[in-house]
Amino acid sequence: MTALTDSGTEAPDRVLTITRTFAAPRALVFSVWTKPEHILRWWGPRGYRLSHCEMDFRPGGAWRFCMRSAGGEEHWIHGVYHEIVEPERIVFSYVNERGGFETRVTLLFVARGNATELRFRQVAFPTVEERDGHNRGWSSTFELLDEYLAGLPESVRSGA
């Protein structure tokens, strides 16, 4: 397994950054990353659903998910939460069990009025192809997250 790094000096072609704005308050966007009952409803690229979700959401706590395609293909991922600053930041390792490599994901949640800017960074990929595959997967996942947030009742969206 390749080593996990996030020194800020990785080769640019081995780093994935995505910035996405969600029409929901920062506390809510942060919350849906922290609880299995939410994660189960949006995590994974379109065409996949989580069939297994374990989360010990605390620094040093582990997580493990299985994304299953409609055809039954399983894709296991896991990691450890390294840093949690509610509602601003989550840092975790991400181990792709099939690909045999480990990366570090940093999520920054920036309030933009009643919206939230998510700044996503994942480092360091072993190949450009792996980075590009994760870009497609995360972009699709963020579309599903956006749809999930939009479908929540107003009482939940407003924090009531």
N, C-alpha and C. Protein backbone atom coordinates (compact mmCIF):
# COMPACT_ATOMS: atom_id res chain seq x y z
N MET A 1 0.86 -1.17 0.00
CA MET A 1 0.00 0.00 0.00
C MET A 1 0.91 1.23 0.00
N THR A 2 0.57 2.22 -0.80
CA THR A 2 1.38 3.43 -0.84
C THR A 2 1.15 4.26 0.40
N ALA A 3 2.13 5.07 0.74
CA ALA A 3 2.08 5.85 1.98
C ALA A 3 1.12 7.03 1.84
N LEU A 4 0.54 7.37 2.96
CA LEU A 4 -0.37 8.51 3.06
C LEU A 4 0.44 9.78 3.29
N THR A 5 0.21 10.79 2.46
CA THR A 5 0.89 12.07 2.64
C THR A 5 -0.09 13.20 2.41
N ASP A 6 0.20 14.33 2.99
CA ASP A 6 -0.56 15.56 2.75
C ASP A 6 0.33 16.72 3.17
N SER A 7 1.48 16.81 2.54
CA SER A 7 2.45 17.83 2.92
C SER A 7 2.18 19.16 2.25
N GLY A 8 1.29 19.17 1.27
CA GLY A 8 1.06 20.40 0.52
C GLY A 8 2.04 20.57 -0.63
N THR A 9 2.97 19.63 -0.77
CA THR A 9 3.97 19.72 -1.84
C THR A 9 3.85 18.56 -2.82
N GLU A 10 2.70 17.88 -2.84
CA GLU A 10 2.50 16.76 -3.75
C GLU A 10 2.51 17.25 -5.19
N ALA A 11 2.86 16.35 -6.08
CA ALA A 11 2.79 16.67 -7.50
C ALA A 11 1.35 17.03 -7.85
N PRO A 12 1.14 18.15 -8.53
CA PRO A 12 -0.23 18.60 -8.83
C PRO A 12 -1.09 17.56 -9.53
N ASP A 13 -0.48 16.70 -10.34
CA ASP A 13 -1.27 15.70 -11.04
C ASP A 13 -1.65 14.51 -10.16
N ARG A 14 -1.27 14.54 -8.89
CA ARG A 14 -1.62 13.48 -7.94
C ARG A 14 -2.57 13.99 -6.85
N VAL A 15 -3.11 15.20 -7.05
CA VAL A 15 -3.98 15.85 -6.08
C VAL A 15 -5.34 16.11 -6.74
N LEU A 16 -6.40 15.84 -6.01
CA LEU A 16 -7.75 16.13 -6.48
C LEU A 16 -8.34 17.23 -5.60
N THR A 17 -8.76 18.32 -6.21
CA THR A 17 -9.48 19.37 -5.48
C THR A 17 -10.80 19.63 -6.19
N ILE A 18 -11.83 19.75 -5.40
CA ILE A 18 -13.17 20.05 -5.90
C ILE A 18 -13.77 21.10 -4.97
N THR A 19 -14.36 22.14 -5.52
CA THR A 19 -15.09 23.12 -4.73
C THR A 19 -16.53 23.08 -5.21
N ARG A 20 -17.43 22.94 -4.26
CA ARG A 20 -18.85 22.82 -4.59
C ARG A 20 -19.66 23.60 -3.58
N THR A 21 -20.67 24.33 -4.04
CA THR A 21 -21.54 25.07 -3.14
C THR A 21 -22.89 24.37 -3.05
N PHE A 22 -23.33 24.17 -1.80
CA PHE A 22 -24.61 23.52 -1.53
C PHE A 22 -25.57 24.55 -0.93
N ALA A 23 -26.82 24.51 -1.36
CA ALA A 23 -27.83 25.45 -0.88
C ALA A 23 -28.40 24.97 0.45
N ALA A 24 -27.52 24.92 1.45
CA ALA A 24 -27.91 24.47 2.79
C ALA A 24 -26.94 25.08 3.79
N PRO A 25 -27.38 25.30 5.02
CA PRO A 25 -26.51 25.89 6.03
C PRO A 25 -25.31 24.98 6.35
N ARG A 26 -24.21 25.59 6.75
CA ARG A 26 -22.98 24.87 7.03
C ARG A 26 -23.19 23.77 8.08
N ALA A 27 -23.91 24.05 9.15
CA ALA A 27 -24.11 23.04 10.19
C ALA A 27 -24.80 21.79 9.64
N LEU A 28 -25.73 21.98 8.72
CA LEU A 28 -26.44 20.84 8.13
C LEU A 28 -25.51 20.05 7.20
N VAL A 29 -24.78 20.74 6.35
CA VAL A 29 -23.87 20.05 5.42
C VAL A 29 -22.83 19.26 6.22
N PHE A 30 -22.29 19.87 7.27
CA PHE A 30 -21.35 19.17 8.13
C PHE A 30 -22.02 17.93 8.75
N SER A 31 -23.22 18.10 9.25
CA SER A 31 -23.94 17.03 9.93
C SER A 31 -24.17 15.81 9.04
N VAL A 32 -24.49 16.02 7.78
CA VAL A 32 -24.78 14.87 6.92
C VAL A 32 -23.53 14.07 6.57
N TRP A 33 -22.35 14.61 6.89
CA TRP A 33 -21.09 13.86 6.77
C TRP A 33 -20.78 13.07 8.03
N THR A 34 -21.53 13.27 9.10
CA THR A 34 -21.12 12.75 10.41
C THR A 34 -22.00 11.63 10.94
N LYS A 35 -23.12 11.34 10.30
CA LYS A 35 -24.08 10.38 10.85
C LYS A 35 -24.45 9.32 9.80
N PRO A 36 -24.37 8.04 10.19
CA PRO A 36 -24.70 6.98 9.23
C PRO A 36 -26.09 7.11 8.62
N GLU A 37 -27.08 7.56 9.41
CA GLU A 37 -28.43 7.65 8.86
C GLU A 37 -28.52 8.63 7.69
N HIS A 38 -27.62 9.59 7.63
CA HIS A 38 -27.54 10.49 6.48
C HIS A 38 -26.66 9.88 5.39
N ILE A 39 -25.47 9.46 5.76
CA ILE A 39 -24.49 8.93 4.79
C ILE A 39 -25.10 7.82 3.93
N LEU A 40 -25.87 6.96 4.56
CA LEU A 40 -26.48 5.84 3.83
C LEU A 40 -27.38 6.31 2.69
N ARG A 41 -27.86 7.54 2.76
CA ARG A 41 -28.82 8.03 1.77
C ARG A 41 -28.19 8.77 0.59
N TRP A 42 -26.87 9.10 0.67
CA TRP A 42 -26.30 9.86 -0.44
C TRP A 42 -24.91 9.43 -0.85
N TRP A 43 -24.17 8.70 -0.05
CA TRP A 43 -22.77 8.42 -0.34
C TRP A 43 -22.63 7.46 -1.52
N GLY A 44 -21.67 7.74 -2.37
CA GLY A 44 -21.32 6.86 -3.47
C GLY A 44 -21.72 7.47 -4.80
N PRO A 45 -21.02 7.10 -5.84
CA PRO A 45 -21.40 7.61 -7.16
C PRO A 45 -22.76 7.06 -7.58
N ARG A 46 -23.40 7.77 -8.48
CA ARG A 46 -24.71 7.35 -8.98
C ARG A 46 -24.60 5.90 -9.49
N GLY A 47 -25.59 5.10 -9.14
CA GLY A 47 -25.57 3.69 -9.53
C GLY A 47 -25.04 2.78 -8.43
N TYR A 48 -24.54 3.37 -7.36
CA TYR A 48 -24.05 2.61 -6.20
C TYR A 48 -24.82 3.06 -4.96
N ARG A 49 -24.97 2.14 -4.02
CA ARG A 49 -25.59 2.44 -2.72
C ARG A 49 -24.71 1.82 -1.65
N LEU A 50 -24.70 2.41 -0.49
CA LEU A 50 -23.95 1.81 0.61
C LEU A 50 -24.74 0.61 1.15
N SER A 51 -24.09 -0.53 1.18
CA SER A 51 -24.70 -1.72 1.77
C SER A 51 -24.14 -1.98 3.17
N HIS A 52 -23.09 -1.26 3.51
CA HIS A 52 -22.45 -1.41 4.82
C HIS A 52 -21.89 -0.05 5.22
N CYS A 53 -22.16 0.38 6.44
CA CYS A 53 -21.69 1.69 6.91
C CYS A 53 -21.37 1.61 8.39
N GLU A 54 -20.09 1.61 8.71
CA GLU A 54 -19.62 1.68 10.10
C GLU A 54 -18.89 2.99 10.27
N MET A 55 -19.22 3.74 11.32
CA MET A 55 -18.57 5.02 11.58
C MET A 55 -18.36 5.21 13.08
N ASP A 56 -17.13 5.49 13.45
CA ASP A 56 -16.80 5.92 14.81
C ASP A 56 -16.28 7.34 14.66
N PHE A 57 -17.23 8.29 14.59
CA PHE A 57 -16.90 9.67 14.21
C PHE A 57 -16.28 10.43 15.38
N ARG A 58 -14.97 10.28 15.47
CA ARG A 58 -14.16 10.99 16.46
C ARG A 58 -12.71 10.89 15.98
N PRO A 59 -11.85 11.83 16.37
CA PRO A 59 -10.44 11.69 16.00
C PRO A 59 -9.90 10.35 16.47
N GLY A 60 -9.30 9.62 15.56
CA GLY A 60 -8.79 8.28 15.86
C GLY A 60 -9.80 7.18 15.60
N GLY A 61 -11.07 7.55 15.36
CA GLY A 61 -12.12 6.57 15.08
C GLY A 61 -12.05 6.08 13.64
N ALA A 62 -12.46 4.86 13.43
CA ALA A 62 -12.42 4.26 12.10
C ALA A 62 -13.78 4.32 11.42
N TRP A 63 -13.74 4.25 10.10
CA TRP A 63 -14.94 4.13 9.30
C TRP A 63 -14.71 3.05 8.25
N ARG A 64 -15.80 2.39 7.81
CA ARG A 64 -15.70 1.38 6.75
C ARG A 64 -17.04 1.31 6.04
N PHE A 65 -17.00 1.45 4.72
CA PHE A 65 -18.20 1.43 3.89
C PHE A 65 -18.04 0.40 2.78
N CYS A 66 -19.16 -0.13 2.33
CA CYS A 66 -19.19 -0.94 1.12
C CYS A 66 -20.18 -0.30 0.16
N MET A 67 -19.67 0.09 -1.00
CA MET A 67 -20.53 0.62 -2.06
C MET A 67 -20.87 -0.56 -2.98
N ARG A 68 -22.16 -0.78 -3.22
CA ARG A 68 -22.59 -1.90 -4.05
C ARG A 68 -23.33 -1.37 -5.27
N SER A 69 -22.94 -1.86 -6.44
CA SER A 69 -23.61 -1.46 -7.68
C SER A 69 -24.93 -2.20 -7.81
N ALA A 70 -25.77 -1.73 -8.71
CA ALA A 70 -27.05 -2.39 -8.96
C ALA A 70 -26.84 -3.83 -9.40
N GLY A 71 -25.69 -4.10 -10.04
CA GLY A 71 -25.36 -5.46 -10.48
C GLY A 71 -24.72 -6.32 -9.41
N GLY A 72 -24.53 -5.76 -8.20
CA GLY A 72 -23.99 -6.53 -7.09
C GLY A 72 -22.49 -6.41 -6.89
N GLU A 73 -21.80 -5.62 -7.71
CA GLU A 73 -20.36 -5.44 -7.52
C GLU A 73 -20.12 -4.65 -6.24
N GLU A 74 -19.21 -5.15 -5.39
CA GLU A 74 -18.90 -4.49 -4.13
C GLU A 74 -17.57 -3.77 -4.20
N HIS A 75 -17.54 -2.59 -3.61
CA HIS A 75 -16.33 -1.77 -3.57
C HIS A 75 -16.16 -1.29 -2.13
N TRP A 76 -15.19 -1.88 -1.41
CA TRP A 76 -14.97 -1.58 0.01
C TRP A 76 -13.95 -0.47 0.16
N ILE A 77 -14.23 0.45 1.07
CA ILE A 77 -13.32 1.54 1.41
C ILE A 77 -13.34 1.72 2.92
N HIS A 78 -12.25 2.23 3.45
CA HIS A 78 -12.20 2.46 4.90
C HIS A 78 -11.14 3.50 5.21
N GLY A 79 -11.09 3.90 6.46
CA GLY A 79 -10.08 4.86 6.89
C GLY A 79 -10.24 5.20 8.36
N VAL A 80 -9.54 6.26 8.74
CA VAL A 80 -9.53 6.74 10.12
C VAL A 80 -9.75 8.25 10.09
N TYR A 81 -10.55 8.74 11.02
CA TYR A 81 -10.73 10.18 11.17
C TYR A 81 -9.53 10.74 11.92
N HIS A 82 -8.87 11.73 11.33
CA HIS A 82 -7.68 12.33 11.93
C HIS A 82 -7.96 13.65 12.62
N GLU A 83 -8.87 14.41 12.04
CA GLU A 83 -9.18 15.73 12.61
C GLU A 83 -10.65 16.05 12.38
N ILE A 84 -11.31 16.54 13.43
CA ILE A 84 -12.70 16.96 13.33
C ILE A 84 -12.82 18.28 14.09
N VAL A 85 -13.20 19.32 13.37
CA VAL A 85 -13.46 20.63 13.98
C VAL A 85 -14.85 21.04 13.52
N GLU A 86 -15.84 20.82 14.38
CA GLU A 86 -17.23 21.09 14.02
C GLU A 86 -17.49 22.58 14.02
N PRO A 87 -18.15 23.14 13.03
CA PRO A 87 -18.62 22.58 11.76
C PRO A 87 -17.72 22.96 10.60
N GLU A 88 -16.43 23.04 10.84
CA GLU A 88 -15.50 23.62 9.86
C GLU A 88 -14.67 22.64 9.05
N ARG A 89 -14.27 21.52 9.65
CA ARG A 89 -13.23 20.71 8.99
C ARG A 89 -13.33 19.25 9.42
N ILE A 90 -13.13 18.37 8.44
CA ILE A 90 -12.98 16.95 8.69
C ILE A 90 -11.79 16.47 7.85
N VAL A 91 -10.88 15.72 8.48
CA VAL A 91 -9.75 15.13 7.79
C VAL A 91 -9.76 13.64 8.09
N PHE A 92 -9.67 12.83 7.02
CA PHE A 92 -9.67 11.38 7.22
C PHE A 92 -8.82 10.69 6.17
N SER A 93 -8.32 9.51 6.53
CA SER A 93 -7.64 8.68 5.54
C SER A 93 -8.71 7.93 4.76
N TYR A 94 -8.35 7.58 3.54
CA TYR A 94 -9.26 6.90 2.62
C TYR A 94 -8.47 5.77 1.97
N VAL A 95 -8.83 4.54 2.32
CA VAL A 95 -8.14 3.38 1.77
C VAL A 95 -9.06 2.69 0.79
N ASN A 96 -8.60 2.59 -0.43
CA ASN A 96 -9.31 1.90 -1.49
C ASN A 96 -8.83 0.45 -1.43
N GLU A 97 -9.67 -0.45 -0.89
CA GLU A 97 -9.24 -1.83 -0.68
C GLU A 97 -8.95 -2.55 -1.99
N ARG A 98 -9.68 -2.23 -3.04
CA ARG A 98 -9.47 -2.89 -4.33
C ARG A 98 -8.18 -2.38 -4.98
N GLY A 99 -7.95 -1.07 -4.89
CA GLY A 99 -6.77 -0.50 -5.54
C GLY A 99 -5.51 -0.59 -4.71
N GLY A 100 -5.67 -0.83 -3.40
CA GLY A 100 -4.51 -1.01 -2.56
C GLY A 100 -3.71 0.25 -2.29
N PHE A 101 -4.36 1.39 -2.27
CA PHE A 101 -3.64 2.62 -1.97
C PHE A 101 -4.42 3.44 -0.95
N GLU A 102 -3.71 4.36 -0.30
CA GLU A 102 -4.30 5.20 0.75
C GLU A 102 -4.07 6.66 0.40
N THR A 103 -5.11 7.45 0.63
CA THR A 103 -5.01 8.89 0.43
C THR A 103 -5.53 9.58 1.70
N ARG A 104 -5.39 10.89 1.71
CA ARG A 104 -5.92 11.70 2.81
C ARG A 104 -6.93 12.68 2.20
N VAL A 105 -8.11 12.75 2.83
CA VAL A 105 -9.17 13.65 2.39
C VAL A 105 -9.33 14.76 3.42
N THR A 106 -9.37 15.99 2.94
CA THR A 106 -9.64 17.14 3.78
C THR A 106 -10.89 17.83 3.26
N LEU A 107 -11.86 18.02 4.16
CA LEU A 107 -13.10 18.72 3.84
C LEU A 107 -13.14 20.01 4.64
N LEU A 108 -13.30 21.13 3.96
CA LEU A 108 -13.50 22.41 4.62
C LEU A 108 -14.90 22.89 4.30
N PHE A 109 -15.64 23.28 5.32
CA PHE A 109 -17.02 23.74 5.19
C PHE A 109 -17.02 25.24 5.45
N VAL A 110 -17.30 26.02 4.41
CA VAL A 110 -17.24 27.48 4.51
C VAL A 110 -18.65 28.04 4.36
N ALA A 111 -19.11 28.79 5.38
CA ALA A 111 -20.44 29.40 5.34
C ALA A 111 -20.46 30.50 4.28
N ARG A 112 -21.48 30.48 3.47
CA ARG A 112 -21.71 31.50 2.44
C ARG A 112 -23.17 31.94 2.55
N GLY A 113 -23.46 32.70 3.61
CA GLY A 113 -24.86 33.07 3.88
C GLY A 113 -25.61 31.82 4.30
N ASN A 114 -26.71 31.50 3.60
CA ASN A 114 -27.48 30.29 3.88
C ASN A 114 -26.98 29.09 3.07
N ALA A 115 -25.87 29.26 2.39
CA ALA A 115 -25.28 28.18 1.60
C ALA A 115 -23.94 27.77 2.23
N THR A 116 -23.39 26.68 1.72
CA THR A 116 -22.12 26.17 2.22
C THR A 116 -21.22 25.83 1.04
N GLU A 117 -20.03 26.38 1.08
CA GLU A 117 -19.00 26.02 0.10
C GLU A 117 -18.19 24.87 0.70
N LEU A 118 -18.16 23.76 0.00
CA LEU A 118 -17.35 22.62 0.42
C LEU A 118 -16.07 22.64 -0.40
N ARG A 119 -14.95 22.67 0.30
CA ARG A 119 -13.64 22.60 -0.35
C ARG A 119 -13.07 21.22 -0.05
N PHE A 120 -12.97 20.42 -1.08
CA PHE A 120 -12.56 19.03 -0.97
C PHE A 120 -11.16 18.89 -1.54
N ARG A 121 -10.29 18.17 -0.81
CA ARG A 121 -8.93 17.91 -1.29
C ARG A 121 -8.57 16.48 -0.94
N GLN A 122 -8.10 15.72 -1.92
CA GLN A 122 -7.67 14.33 -1.69
C GLN A 122 -6.28 14.15 -2.27
N VAL A 123 -5.35 13.65 -1.44
CA VAL A 123 -3.95 13.46 -1.84
C VAL A 123 -3.43 12.14 -1.29
N ALA A 124 -2.41 11.64 -1.78
CA ALA A 124 -1.80 11.77 -3.08
C ALA A 124 -2.06 10.46 -3.83
N PHE A 125 -2.53 10.57 -5.03
CA PHE A 125 -2.90 9.41 -5.83
C PHE A 125 -1.66 8.77 -6.46
N PRO A 126 -1.68 7.45 -6.61
CA PRO A 126 -0.54 6.78 -7.23
C PRO A 126 -0.43 7.07 -8.72
N THR A 127 -1.57 7.35 -9.37
CA THR A 127 -1.57 7.62 -10.81
C THR A 127 -2.59 8.70 -11.13
N VAL A 128 -2.41 9.31 -12.27
CA VAL A 128 -3.37 10.30 -12.77
C VAL A 128 -4.71 9.62 -13.05
N GLU A 129 -4.67 8.39 -13.52
CA GLU A 129 -5.90 7.66 -13.82
C GLU A 129 -6.73 7.44 -12.55
N GLU A 130 -6.07 7.09 -11.46
CA GLU A 130 -6.78 6.93 -10.20
C GLU A 130 -7.40 8.26 -9.75
N ARG A 131 -6.64 9.34 -9.87
CA ARG A 131 -7.16 10.66 -9.51
C ARG A 131 -8.39 10.99 -10.34
N ASP A 132 -8.31 10.76 -11.64
CA ASP A 132 -9.43 11.08 -12.52
C ASP A 132 -10.66 10.22 -12.23
N GLY A 133 -10.43 8.95 -11.88
CA GLY A 133 -11.55 8.08 -11.51
C GLY A 133 -12.23 8.58 -10.24
N HIS A 134 -11.43 9.01 -9.27
CA HIS A 134 -12.00 9.55 -8.04
C HIS A 134 -12.70 10.88 -8.31
N ASN A 135 -12.19 11.66 -9.23
CA ASN A 135 -12.87 12.92 -9.59
C ASN A 135 -14.28 12.62 -10.11
N ARG A 136 -14.39 11.64 -10.98
CA ARG A 136 -15.72 11.27 -11.49
C ARG A 136 -16.61 10.77 -10.36
N GLY A 137 -16.07 9.90 -9.48
CA GLY A 137 -16.86 9.35 -8.39
C GLY A 137 -17.31 10.40 -7.39
N TRP A 138 -16.39 11.26 -6.97
CA TRP A 138 -16.76 12.30 -6.01
C TRP A 138 -17.71 13.32 -6.63
N SER A 139 -17.51 13.68 -7.88
CA SER A 139 -18.41 14.65 -8.53
C SER A 139 -19.84 14.10 -8.56
N SER A 140 -19.98 12.81 -8.87
CA SER A 140 -21.29 12.18 -8.87
C SER A 140 -21.85 12.11 -7.45
N THR A 141 -21.00 11.78 -6.48
CA THR A 141 -21.42 11.72 -5.08
C THR A 141 -21.93 13.08 -4.61
N PHE A 142 -21.24 14.15 -5.00
CA PHE A 142 -21.66 15.48 -4.59
C PHE A 142 -22.98 15.88 -5.25
N GLU A 143 -23.25 15.38 -6.46
CA GLU A 143 -24.56 15.61 -7.07
C GLU A 143 -25.65 14.95 -6.21
N LEU A 144 -25.38 13.72 -5.76
CA LEU A 144 -26.36 13.01 -4.91
C LEU A 144 -26.52 13.70 -3.56
N LEU A 145 -25.43 14.21 -3.01
CA LEU A 145 -25.52 14.96 -1.76
C LEU A 145 -26.38 16.21 -1.94
N ASP A 146 -26.19 16.90 -3.04
CA ASP A 146 -26.98 18.09 -3.33
C ASP A 146 -28.47 17.73 -3.41
N GLU A 147 -28.79 16.64 -4.10
CA GLU A 147 -30.18 16.19 -4.21
C GLU A 147 -30.73 15.79 -2.84
N TYR A 148 -29.92 15.12 -2.04
CA TYR A 148 -30.37 14.72 -0.70
C TYR A 148 -30.67 15.94 0.16
N LEU A 149 -29.77 16.89 0.18
CA LEU A 149 -29.97 18.11 0.97
C LEU A 149 -31.24 18.84 0.53
N ALA A 150 -31.44 18.94 -0.78
CA ALA A 150 -32.62 19.65 -1.31
C ALA A 150 -33.91 18.95 -0.92
N GLY A 151 -33.88 17.64 -0.73
CA GLY A 151 -35.08 16.89 -0.40
C GLY A 151 -35.40 16.82 1.09
N LEU A 152 -34.51 17.34 1.92
CA LEU A 152 -34.78 17.32 3.36
C LEU A 152 -35.89 18.33 3.70
N PRO A 153 -36.71 18.01 4.69
CA PRO A 153 -37.77 18.95 5.08
C PRO A 153 -37.18 20.29 5.54
N GLU A 154 -37.92 21.35 5.34
CA GLU A 154 -37.45 22.69 5.70
C GLU A 154 -37.09 22.77 7.19
N SER A 155 -37.81 22.05 8.03
CA SER A 155 -37.51 22.08 9.46
C SER A 155 -36.10 21.54 9.73
N VAL A 156 -35.66 20.57 8.96
CA VAL A 156 -34.31 20.02 9.11
C VAL A 156 -33.30 20.98 8.48
N ARG A 157 -33.64 21.49 7.29
CA ARG A 157 -32.72 22.38 6.57
C ARG A 157 -32.43 23.66 7.35
N SER A 158 -33.42 24.14 8.08
CA SER A 158 -33.24 25.40 8.82
C SER A 158 -32.65 25.18 10.21
N GLY A 159 -32.47 23.90 10.58
CA GLY A 159 -31.88 23.60 11.87
C GLY A 159 -32.88 23.54 13.01
N ALA A 160 -34.16 23.52 12.68
CA ALA A 160 -35.20 23.46 13.73
C ALA A 160 -35.28 22.10 14.36
